[in-house]
Each structure stands twice: as C-alpha cells, then as structure tokens.
C-alpha cells in the first residue's frame, strides 16, 4: 500500500510540474479574454478533458502506437518540442483576436472559436504536450517493469 501511495504522489507531482497550470493560466486568460464566464468554464473543461483523454490513450496504447510507426521516445520529444516552439512563437507574435469583441459576430462563431481554443492550443499541446505524454508513458513503463 505504501508503494502505491508513493507512486501516486510521484505521478501527480510529475504531471503537475510538466503540465504547469500556473504558467498556462495567463495563456488561457488571454485567449478567453472577454468571453462569458460560462463559456470560459466550458473551454477550461473541454481543454482538461481533451488532455485527460490524450494522456490516457497514450498511457495505455502509447508504446504500441510508437512501435507501430517506428517512433522512438526521444524523437517524439524533439519533434514535439519543435511544434510547441512554433505554437509558442505564434502566440507571442499573434495579432489580437477580435472574434469575441466584434458585435456582429454570431454566437455560433464564438462557440466554434471557443471549441477550437479548447482543443488546440490549450488541450494539445499546452496541457497534453510531448512532455506530458512522454512522462505518462514512462510512468506506465515503470509500473509494468516493477510491479
């Protein structure tokens, strides 16, 4: 029981450090600025659910998926780092998004924009990025190797 508790605490700390919710909070606030609080909660929930599903799928099937496509974990981390760099660079240089400030914007456009924000960049890669996926696969590998 003690080993399981220690492993759960270690996994939680690892995910918390890698996902870094405090650093992602300003990004979320800037992307969802001006939206209704209910819509902001929906975006946050969908982003968290998306990250949970991605991490769960890669925890269970990640090694199989990587082996199927011939991808190594270090290659995945490097490619994911490059993708995260480009997304971060685009976020730093982006023009202000006016879709939620324009009075002629329809509610359907705002809702579609909110869904897009929840899935990318918030859900993937900010919450469930290459570091999180790699950590999940390593944590599962540690459990499987040392039962």
C-alpha atoms as a PDB file:
ATOM      1  CA  UNK A   1       0.000   0.000   0.000  1.00  0.00           C
ATOM      2  CA  UNK A   2       2.857   2.360   0.851  1.00  0.00           C
ATOM      3  CA  UNK A   3       4.466   1.805  -2.572  1.00  0.00           C
ATOM      4  CA  UNK A   4       1.199   2.560  -4.367  1.00  0.00           C
ATOM      5  CA  UNK A   5       0.708   5.764  -2.377  1.00  0.00           C
ATOM      6  CA  UNK A   6       4.265   6.842  -3.105  1.00  0.00           C
ATOM      7  CA  UNK A   7       3.807   6.109  -6.821  1.00  0.00           C
ATOM      8  CA  UNK A   8       0.521   8.060  -6.997  1.00  0.00           C
ATOM      9  CA  UNK A   9       2.130  11.063  -5.281  1.00  0.00           C
ATOM     10  CA  UNK A  10       5.123  10.864  -7.629  1.00  0.00           C
ATOM     11  CA  UNK A  11       2.896  10.686 -10.709  1.00  0.00           C
ATOM     12  CA  UNK A  12       0.766  13.606  -9.503  1.00  0.00           C
ATOM     13  CA  UNK A  13       3.832  15.747  -8.817  1.00  0.00           C
ATOM     14  CA  UNK A  14       5.328  14.834 -12.178  1.00  0.00           C
ATOM     15  CA  UNK A  15       2.185  15.706 -14.116  1.00  0.00           C
ATOM     16  CA  UNK A  16       1.695  18.898 -12.120  1.00  0.00           C
ATOM     17  CA  UNK A  17       5.254  20.020 -12.867  1.00  0.00           C
ATOM     18  CA  UNK A  18       5.068  19.150 -16.563  1.00  0.00           C
ATOM     19  CA  UNK A  19       1.565  20.496 -17.240  1.00  0.00           C
ATOM     20  CA  UNK A  20       2.370  23.599 -15.151  1.00  0.00           C
ATOM     21  CA  UNK A  21      -1.137  25.008 -14.702  1.00  0.00           C
ATOM     22  CA  UNK A  22       0.161  28.263 -13.206  1.00  0.00           C
ATOM     23  CA  UNK A  23       2.191  29.058 -16.336  1.00  0.00           C
ATOM     24  CA  UNK A  24      -0.720  28.094 -18.613  1.00  0.00           C
ATOM     25  CA  UNK A  25      -3.211  30.286 -16.752  1.00  0.00           C
ATOM     26  CA  UNK A  26      -2.120  33.584 -18.380  1.00  0.00           C
ATOM     27  CA  UNK A  27      -2.339  31.948 -21.815  1.00  0.00           C
ATOM     28  CA  UNK A  28      -5.866  30.751 -21.073  1.00  0.00           C
ATOM     29  CA  UNK A  29      -6.890  34.160 -19.749  1.00  0.00           C
ATOM     30  CA  UNK A  30      -5.519  35.971 -22.785  1.00  0.00           C
ATOM     31  CA  UNK A  31      -7.189  33.582 -25.238  1.00  0.00           C
ATOM     32  CA  UNK A  32     -10.552  33.618 -23.452  1.00  0.00           C
ATOM     33  CA  UNK A  33     -10.498  37.330 -22.640  1.00  0.00           C
ATOM     34  CA  UNK A  34     -13.885  38.974 -22.986  1.00  0.00           C
ATOM     35  CA  UNK A  35     -15.839  35.734 -23.254  1.00  0.00           C
ATOM     36  CA  UNK A  36     -18.700  34.980 -20.920  1.00  0.00           C
ATOM     37  CA  UNK A  37     -17.674  33.211 -17.693  1.00  0.00           C
ATOM     38  CA  UNK A  38     -19.855  30.220 -18.603  1.00  0.00           C
ATOM     39  CA  UNK A  39     -18.064  29.889 -21.947  1.00  0.00           C
ATOM     40  CA  UNK A  40     -14.688  30.220 -20.214  1.00  0.00           C
ATOM     41  CA  UNK A  41     -15.622  27.357 -17.869  1.00  0.00           C
ATOM     42  CA  UNK A  42     -16.675  25.258 -20.875  1.00  0.00           C
ATOM     43  CA  UNK A  43     -13.351  25.970 -22.603  1.00  0.00           C
ATOM     44  CA  UNK A  44     -11.407  25.021 -19.468  1.00  0.00           C
ATOM     45  CA  UNK A  45     -13.430  21.818 -19.018  1.00  0.00           C
ATOM     46  CA  UNK A  46     -13.038  20.771 -22.666  1.00  0.00           C
ATOM     47  CA  UNK A  47      -9.292  21.511 -22.605  1.00  0.00           C
ATOM     48  CA  UNK A  48      -8.852  19.457 -19.436  1.00  0.00           C
ATOM     49  CA  UNK A  49     -10.982  16.612 -20.796  1.00  0.00           C
ATOM     50  CA  UNK A  50      -9.024  16.632 -24.056  1.00  0.00           C
ATOM     51  CA  UNK A  51      -5.724  16.462 -22.180  1.00  0.00           C
ATOM     52  CA  UNK A  52      -7.048  13.660 -19.967  1.00  0.00           C
ATOM     53  CA  UNK A  53      -8.174  11.587 -22.961  1.00  0.00           C
ATOM     54  CA  UNK A  54      -4.883  12.092 -24.828  1.00  0.00           C
ATOM     55  CA  UNK A  55      -2.779  11.186 -21.784  1.00  0.00           C
ATOM     56  CA  UNK A  56      -4.961   8.152 -21.039  1.00  0.00           C
ATOM     57  CA  UNK A  57      -4.775   6.869 -24.626  1.00  0.00           C
ATOM     58  CA  UNK A  58      -1.015   7.265 -24.739  1.00  0.00           C
ATOM     59  CA  UNK A  59      -0.640   5.714 -21.284  1.00  0.00           C
ATOM     60  CA  UNK A  60      -2.462   2.600 -22.412  1.00  0.00           C
ATOM     61  CA  UNK A  61      -1.548   2.357 -26.101  1.00  0.00           C
ATOM     62  CA  UNK A  62       1.446   4.697 -26.434  1.00  0.00           C
ATOM     63  CA  UNK A  63       4.192   2.085 -26.622  1.00  0.00           C
ATOM     64  CA  UNK A  64       2.160   0.120 -29.179  1.00  0.00           C
ATOM     65  CA  UNK A  65       1.486   3.230 -31.281  1.00  0.00           C
ATOM     66  CA  UNK A  66       5.142   4.240 -31.225  1.00  0.00           C
ATOM     67  CA  UNK A  67       6.292   0.751 -32.121  1.00  0.00           C
ATOM     68  CA  UNK A  68       3.716   0.539 -34.917  1.00  0.00           C
ATOM     69  CA  UNK A  69       5.035   3.725 -36.540  1.00  0.00           C
ATOM     70  CA  UNK A  70       8.693   3.152 -35.615  1.00  0.00           C
ATOM     71  CA  UNK A  71       8.914   6.269 -33.450  1.00  0.00           C
ATOM     72  CA  UNK A  72      11.340   6.436 -30.552  1.00  0.00           C
ATOM     73  CA  UNK A  73      10.536   8.417 -27.418  1.00  0.00           C
ATOM     74  CA  UNK A  74      13.476  10.849 -27.857  1.00  0.00           C
ATOM     75  CA  UNK A  75      12.454  11.523 -31.486  1.00  0.00           C
ATOM     76  CA  UNK A  76       8.896  12.219 -30.325  1.00  0.00           C
ATOM     77  CA  UNK A  77      10.151  14.629 -27.665  1.00  0.00           C
ATOM     78  CA  UNK A  78      12.310  16.512 -30.164  1.00  0.00           C
ATOM     79  CA  UNK A  79       9.529  16.772 -32.754  1.00  0.00           C
ATOM     80  CA  UNK A  80       7.025  17.774 -30.063  1.00  0.00           C
ATOM     81  CA  UNK A  81       9.417  20.408 -28.752  1.00  0.00           C
ATOM     82  CA  UNK A  82       9.715  21.900 -32.225  1.00  0.00           C
ATOM     83  CA  UNK A  83       5.914  22.001 -32.573  1.00  0.00           C
ATOM     84  CA  UNK A  84       5.498  23.593 -29.138  1.00  0.00           C
ATOM     85  CA  UNK A  85       8.166  26.162 -30.061  1.00  0.00           C
ATOM     86  CA  UNK A  86       6.310  27.182 -33.212  1.00  0.00           C
ATOM     87  CA  UNK A  87       2.967  27.393 -31.412  1.00  0.00           C
ATOM     88  CA  UNK A  88       4.555  29.489 -28.658  1.00  0.00           C
ATOM     89  CA  UNK A  89       6.188  31.718 -31.236  1.00  0.00           C
ATOM     90  CA  UNK A  90       2.842  32.221 -32.967  1.00  0.00           C
ATOM     91  CA  UNK A  91       1.193  33.036 -29.631  1.00  0.00           C
ATOM     92  CA  UNK A  92       3.880  35.620 -28.883  1.00  0.00           C
ATOM     93  CA  UNK A  93       3.530  37.309 -32.266  1.00  0.00           C
ATOM     94  CA  UNK A  94      -0.212  36.907 -32.768  1.00  0.00           C
ATOM     95  CA  UNK A  95      -2.495  39.771 -33.554  1.00  0.00           C
ATOM     96  CA  UNK A  96      -5.273  40.400 -31.086  1.00  0.00           C
ATOM     97  CA  UNK A  97      -8.213  38.154 -31.793  1.00  0.00           C
ATOM     98  CA  UNK A  98     -11.363  40.219 -32.286  1.00  0.00           C
ATOM     99  CA  UNK A  99     -13.897  37.428 -32.779  1.00  0.00           C
ATOM    100  CA  UNK A 100     -15.309  37.861 -29.266  1.00  0.00           C
ATOM    101  CA  UNK A 101     -15.258  41.671 -29.353  1.00  0.00           C
ATOM    102  CA  UNK A 102     -16.922  42.265 -32.714  1.00  0.00           C
ATOM    103  CA  UNK A 103     -20.624  42.998 -32.136  1.00  0.00           C
ATOM    104  CA  UNK A 104     -21.533  41.430 -35.493  1.00  0.00           C
ATOM    105  CA  UNK A 105     -20.022  38.059 -34.541  1.00  0.00           C
ATOM    106  CA  UNK A 106     -22.704  35.418 -34.292  1.00  0.00           C
ATOM    107  CA  UNK A 107     -22.993  33.159 -31.239  1.00  0.00           C
ATOM    108  CA  UNK A 108     -22.207  30.161 -33.468  1.00  0.00           C
ATOM    109  CA  UNK A 109     -18.872  31.719 -34.493  1.00  0.00           C
ATOM    110  CA  UNK A 110     -17.977  32.465 -30.879  1.00  0.00           C
ATOM    111  CA  UNK A 111     -18.870  28.899 -29.849  1.00  0.00           C
ATOM    112  CA  UNK A 112     -16.829  27.428 -32.730  1.00  0.00           C
ATOM    113  CA  UNK A 113     -13.874  29.626 -31.789  1.00  0.00           C
ATOM    114  CA  UNK A 114     -14.185  28.523 -28.147  1.00  0.00           C
ATOM    115  CA  UNK A 115     -14.145  24.851 -29.184  1.00  0.00           C
ATOM    116  CA  UNK A 116     -11.042  25.446 -31.278  1.00  0.00           C
ATOM    117  CA  UNK A 117      -9.318  27.089 -28.303  1.00  0.00           C
ATOM    118  CA  UNK A 118     -10.218  24.222 -26.004  1.00  0.00           C
ATOM    119  CA  UNK A 119      -8.698  21.583 -28.256  1.00  0.00           C
ATOM    120  CA  UNK A 120      -5.731  23.497 -29.612  1.00  0.00           C
ATOM    121  CA  UNK A 121      -3.613  25.159 -28.235  1.00  0.00           C
ATOM    122  CA  UNK A 122      -4.990  24.644 -24.706  1.00  0.00           C
ATOM    123  CA  UNK A 123      -5.743  20.894 -24.655  1.00  0.00           C
ATOM    124  CA  UNK A 124      -2.993  19.900 -27.048  1.00  0.00           C
ATOM    125  CA  UNK A 125      -0.043  20.779 -26.756  1.00  0.00           C
ATOM    126  CA  UNK A 126      -0.148  23.056 -23.681  1.00  0.00           C
ATOM    127  CA  UNK A 127      -1.687  20.544 -21.270  1.00  0.00           C
ATOM    128  CA  UNK A 128      -1.113  17.266 -23.107  1.00  0.00           C
ATOM    129  CA  UNK A 129       2.103  18.033 -24.915  1.00  0.00           C
ATOM    130  CA  UNK A 130       5.086  15.850 -25.691  1.00  0.00           C
ATOM    131  CA  UNK A 131       6.469  16.158 -22.168  1.00  0.00           C
ATOM    132  CA  UNK A 132       3.220  15.041 -20.573  1.00  0.00           C
ATOM    133  CA  UNK A 133       2.780  12.153 -22.999  1.00  0.00           C
ATOM    134  CA  UNK A 134       6.376  11.014 -22.504  1.00  0.00           C
ATOM    135  CA  UNK A 135       6.006  11.214 -18.731  1.00  0.00           C
ATOM    136  CA  UNK A 136       2.768   9.209 -18.849  1.00  0.00           C
ATOM    137  CA  UNK A 137       4.388   6.510 -20.956  1.00  0.00           C
ATOM    138  CA  UNK A 138       7.418   6.409 -18.653  1.00  0.00           C
ATOM    139  CA  UNK A 139       5.253   6.201 -15.527  1.00  0.00           C
ATOM    140  CA  UNK A 140       3.278   3.318 -17.041  1.00  0.00           C
ATOM    141  CA  UNK A 141       6.530   1.646 -18.112  1.00  0.00           C
ATOM    142  CA  UNK A 142       7.839   1.940 -14.561  1.00  0.00           C
ATOM    143  CA  UNK A 143       4.716   0.264 -13.173  1.00  0.00           C
ATOM    144  CA  UNK A 144       4.893  -2.533 -15.762  1.00  0.00           C
ATOM    145  CA  UNK A 145       8.615  -3.158 -15.186  1.00  0.00           C
ATOM    146  CA  UNK A 146       8.432  -3.069 -11.406  1.00  0.00           C
ATOM    147  CA  UNK A 147       5.082  -4.464 -10.266  1.00  0.00           C
END
